[in-house]
N, C-alpha and C. Protein backbone atom coordinates (compact mmCIF):
# COMPACT_ATOMS: atom_id res chain seq x y z
N MET A 1 -104.15 -181.49 -46.42
CA MET A 1 -104.53 -181.08 -45.09
C MET A 1 -104.12 -182.16 -44.07
N ARG A 2 -104.32 -183.41 -44.47
CA ARG A 2 -103.96 -184.49 -43.56
C ARG A 2 -102.45 -184.56 -43.35
N LEU A 3 -101.67 -184.27 -44.40
CA LEU A 3 -100.22 -184.27 -44.29
C LEU A 3 -99.75 -183.19 -43.31
N ILE A 4 -100.34 -182.02 -43.38
CA ILE A 4 -100.00 -180.93 -42.46
C ILE A 4 -100.36 -181.34 -41.03
N TRP A 5 -101.49 -182.01 -40.87
CA TRP A 5 -101.92 -182.47 -39.55
C TRP A 5 -100.92 -183.47 -38.97
N TYR A 6 -100.46 -184.40 -39.81
CA TYR A 6 -99.46 -185.38 -39.37
C TYR A 6 -98.14 -184.70 -39.00
N LEU A 7 -97.70 -183.76 -39.83
CA LEU A 7 -96.43 -183.08 -39.56
C LEU A 7 -96.49 -182.27 -38.26
N ILE A 8 -97.60 -181.59 -38.02
CA ILE A 8 -97.73 -180.82 -36.78
C ILE A 8 -97.76 -181.76 -35.58
N GLY A 9 -98.44 -182.89 -35.70
CA GLY A 9 -98.49 -183.85 -34.61
C GLY A 9 -97.13 -184.43 -34.29
N ILE A 10 -96.38 -184.82 -35.32
CA ILE A 10 -95.05 -185.38 -35.10
C ILE A 10 -94.10 -184.33 -34.55
N THR A 11 -94.20 -183.11 -35.06
CA THR A 11 -93.35 -182.02 -34.55
C THR A 11 -93.65 -181.73 -33.08
N THR A 12 -94.93 -181.74 -32.72
CA THR A 12 -95.31 -181.49 -31.33
C THR A 12 -94.77 -182.58 -30.41
N ILE A 13 -94.89 -183.82 -30.83
CA ILE A 13 -94.36 -184.93 -30.02
C ILE A 13 -92.86 -184.80 -29.86
N PHE A 14 -92.15 -184.48 -30.94
CA PHE A 14 -90.70 -184.32 -30.88
C PHE A 14 -90.31 -183.18 -29.94
N LEU A 15 -91.01 -182.05 -30.03
CA LEU A 15 -90.70 -180.91 -29.16
C LEU A 15 -90.98 -181.23 -27.69
N ILE A 16 -92.04 -181.97 -27.42
CA ILE A 16 -92.35 -182.35 -26.04
C ILE A 16 -91.27 -183.28 -25.50
N LEU A 17 -90.78 -184.18 -26.33
CA LEU A 17 -89.72 -185.08 -25.87
C LEU A 17 -88.41 -184.35 -25.64
N ILE A 18 -88.13 -183.31 -26.42
CA ILE A 18 -86.91 -182.53 -26.22
C ILE A 18 -87.02 -181.67 -24.97
N ASN A 19 -88.20 -181.13 -24.71
CA ASN A 19 -88.39 -180.22 -23.59
C ASN A 19 -88.29 -180.97 -22.26
N ASN A 20 -87.47 -180.45 -21.37
CA ASN A 20 -87.37 -180.98 -20.03
C ASN A 20 -87.32 -179.79 -19.08
N PRO A 21 -88.38 -179.55 -18.34
CA PRO A 21 -88.43 -178.35 -17.50
C PRO A 21 -87.40 -178.31 -16.39
N LYS A 22 -86.78 -179.42 -16.06
CA LYS A 22 -85.76 -179.41 -15.01
C LYS A 22 -84.40 -178.97 -15.54
N GLY A 23 -84.28 -178.77 -16.84
CA GLY A 23 -83.05 -178.23 -17.40
C GLY A 23 -82.06 -179.28 -17.84
N ASN A 24 -82.34 -180.54 -17.70
CA ASN A 24 -81.43 -181.58 -18.17
C ASN A 24 -81.77 -181.91 -19.60
N ASN A 25 -81.07 -181.26 -20.51
CA ASN A 25 -81.35 -181.51 -21.92
C ASN A 25 -80.34 -182.48 -22.49
N LEU A 26 -80.40 -182.70 -23.79
CA LEU A 26 -79.50 -183.65 -24.43
C LEU A 26 -78.04 -183.23 -24.33
N ASN A 27 -77.80 -181.93 -24.28
CA ASN A 27 -76.42 -181.44 -24.17
C ASN A 27 -75.79 -181.81 -22.84
N SER A 28 -76.59 -181.94 -21.79
CA SER A 28 -76.01 -182.23 -20.49
C SER A 28 -75.48 -183.66 -20.42
N PHE A 29 -76.02 -184.54 -21.22
CA PHE A 29 -75.49 -185.90 -21.24
C PHE A 29 -74.14 -185.95 -21.95
N ILE A 30 -74.01 -185.11 -22.98
CA ILE A 30 -72.77 -185.10 -23.76
C ILE A 30 -71.72 -184.21 -23.10
N ASN A 31 -72.09 -183.00 -22.74
CA ASN A 31 -71.16 -182.03 -22.16
C ASN A 31 -71.59 -181.70 -20.75
N LYS A 32 -71.11 -182.45 -19.79
CA LYS A 32 -71.54 -182.24 -18.40
C LYS A 32 -71.17 -180.86 -17.88
N GLY A 33 -69.99 -180.38 -18.14
CA GLY A 33 -69.56 -179.10 -17.61
C GLY A 33 -69.64 -177.97 -18.61
N SER A 34 -70.38 -178.13 -19.64
CA SER A 34 -70.42 -177.15 -20.71
C SER A 34 -71.28 -175.95 -20.34
N ILE A 35 -70.96 -174.83 -20.92
CA ILE A 35 -71.74 -173.61 -20.72
C ILE A 35 -73.00 -173.66 -21.57
N ILE A 36 -72.99 -174.49 -22.61
CA ILE A 36 -74.13 -174.58 -23.52
C ILE A 36 -75.24 -175.36 -22.85
N GLY A 37 -75.95 -174.72 -21.97
CA GLY A 37 -77.09 -175.34 -21.32
C GLY A 37 -78.35 -174.62 -21.74
N SER A 38 -79.47 -175.14 -21.35
CA SER A 38 -80.71 -174.46 -21.70
C SER A 38 -81.02 -173.41 -20.65
N THR A 39 -81.21 -172.21 -21.09
CA THR A 39 -81.55 -171.13 -20.18
C THR A 39 -83.06 -171.08 -19.99
N ARG A 40 -83.47 -170.28 -19.06
CA ARG A 40 -84.91 -170.17 -18.78
C ARG A 40 -85.66 -169.59 -19.97
N SER A 41 -85.06 -168.62 -20.67
CA SER A 41 -85.74 -168.02 -21.81
C SER A 41 -85.86 -169.03 -22.96
N THR A 42 -84.87 -169.91 -23.10
CA THR A 42 -84.96 -170.94 -24.12
C THR A 42 -86.08 -171.92 -23.80
N GLN A 43 -86.21 -172.30 -22.54
CA GLN A 43 -87.28 -173.20 -22.13
C GLN A 43 -88.65 -172.55 -22.34
N GLN A 44 -88.76 -171.28 -22.02
CA GLN A 44 -90.03 -170.58 -22.21
C GLN A 44 -90.37 -170.47 -23.69
N GLY A 45 -89.37 -170.22 -24.52
CA GLY A 45 -89.60 -170.15 -25.96
C GLY A 45 -90.04 -171.49 -26.53
N LEU A 46 -89.41 -172.56 -26.05
CA LEU A 46 -89.78 -173.89 -26.49
C LEU A 46 -91.20 -174.25 -26.05
N GLN A 47 -91.56 -173.87 -24.84
CA GLN A 47 -92.91 -174.14 -24.37
C GLN A 47 -93.95 -173.32 -25.14
N LEU A 48 -93.59 -172.12 -25.55
CA LEU A 48 -94.48 -171.31 -26.38
C LEU A 48 -94.69 -171.95 -27.75
N ILE A 49 -93.62 -172.47 -28.33
CA ILE A 49 -93.73 -173.15 -29.62
C ILE A 49 -94.58 -174.41 -29.49
N ILE A 50 -94.42 -175.15 -28.40
CA ILE A 50 -95.22 -176.35 -28.16
C ILE A 50 -96.70 -175.98 -28.03
N ALA A 51 -96.99 -174.92 -27.28
CA ALA A 51 -98.38 -174.50 -27.12
C ALA A 51 -98.98 -174.08 -28.46
N PHE A 52 -98.22 -173.39 -29.28
CA PHE A 52 -98.69 -172.98 -30.59
C PHE A 52 -98.96 -174.19 -31.49
N ASN A 53 -98.06 -175.19 -31.44
CA ASN A 53 -98.26 -176.41 -32.23
C ASN A 53 -99.50 -177.17 -31.77
N VAL A 54 -99.72 -177.25 -30.47
CA VAL A 54 -100.91 -177.93 -29.96
C VAL A 54 -102.17 -177.19 -30.41
N PHE A 55 -102.13 -175.86 -30.36
CA PHE A 55 -103.26 -175.07 -30.83
C PHE A 55 -103.53 -175.32 -32.31
N LEU A 56 -102.48 -175.32 -33.14
CA LEU A 56 -102.66 -175.59 -34.57
C LEU A 56 -103.21 -176.99 -34.81
N PHE A 57 -102.71 -177.97 -34.05
CA PHE A 57 -103.18 -179.33 -34.19
C PHE A 57 -104.68 -179.43 -33.89
N LEU A 58 -105.09 -178.81 -32.80
CA LEU A 58 -106.51 -178.84 -32.44
C LEU A 58 -107.36 -178.07 -33.44
N LEU A 59 -106.86 -176.95 -33.93
CA LEU A 59 -107.59 -176.15 -34.91
C LEU A 59 -107.79 -176.93 -36.22
N ILE A 60 -106.74 -177.58 -36.69
CA ILE A 60 -106.85 -178.36 -37.91
C ILE A 60 -107.77 -179.55 -37.70
N THR A 61 -107.73 -180.15 -36.51
CA THR A 61 -108.64 -181.26 -36.20
C THR A 61 -110.09 -180.81 -36.26
N ILE A 62 -110.39 -179.68 -35.65
CA ILE A 62 -111.76 -179.16 -35.64
C ILE A 62 -112.20 -178.79 -37.06
N LEU A 63 -111.32 -178.15 -37.82
CA LEU A 63 -111.68 -177.79 -39.20
C LEU A 63 -111.90 -179.03 -40.05
N SER A 64 -111.13 -180.06 -39.85
CA SER A 64 -111.30 -181.30 -40.61
C SER A 64 -112.64 -181.95 -40.30
N VAL A 65 -113.01 -181.97 -39.02
CA VAL A 65 -114.29 -182.55 -38.62
C VAL A 65 -115.44 -181.74 -39.19
N LEU A 66 -115.36 -180.42 -39.12
CA LEU A 66 -116.40 -179.57 -39.68
C LEU A 66 -116.51 -179.74 -41.18
N PHE A 67 -115.38 -179.87 -41.85
CA PHE A 67 -115.40 -180.07 -43.29
C PHE A 67 -116.06 -181.39 -43.66
N LEU A 68 -115.85 -182.43 -42.86
CA LEU A 68 -116.49 -183.72 -43.12
C LEU A 68 -118.00 -183.63 -42.94
N TYR A 69 -118.45 -182.89 -41.94
CA TYR A 69 -119.88 -182.76 -41.70
C TYR A 69 -120.58 -181.91 -42.75
N ILE A 70 -119.87 -180.93 -43.30
CA ILE A 70 -120.46 -180.07 -44.33
C ILE A 70 -120.64 -180.85 -45.63
N ASN A 71 -119.66 -181.66 -45.97
CA ASN A 71 -119.74 -182.44 -47.22
C ASN A 71 -120.41 -183.70 -46.91
């Protein structure tokens, strides 16, 4: 359970660092004039995944605390 908690936390941090709402992603540093940019739907999808990861992180945290109090 703790391993899953760590993985979700690290994944959430990584996704937050990748996400840039202004649209300047890692590709823009490499390919300035490239068509491969982040679209609005991609940003919204990434933000949805981040919100889901945060929810899972908090849920696992609450379940872990409750499990400690029960035992």
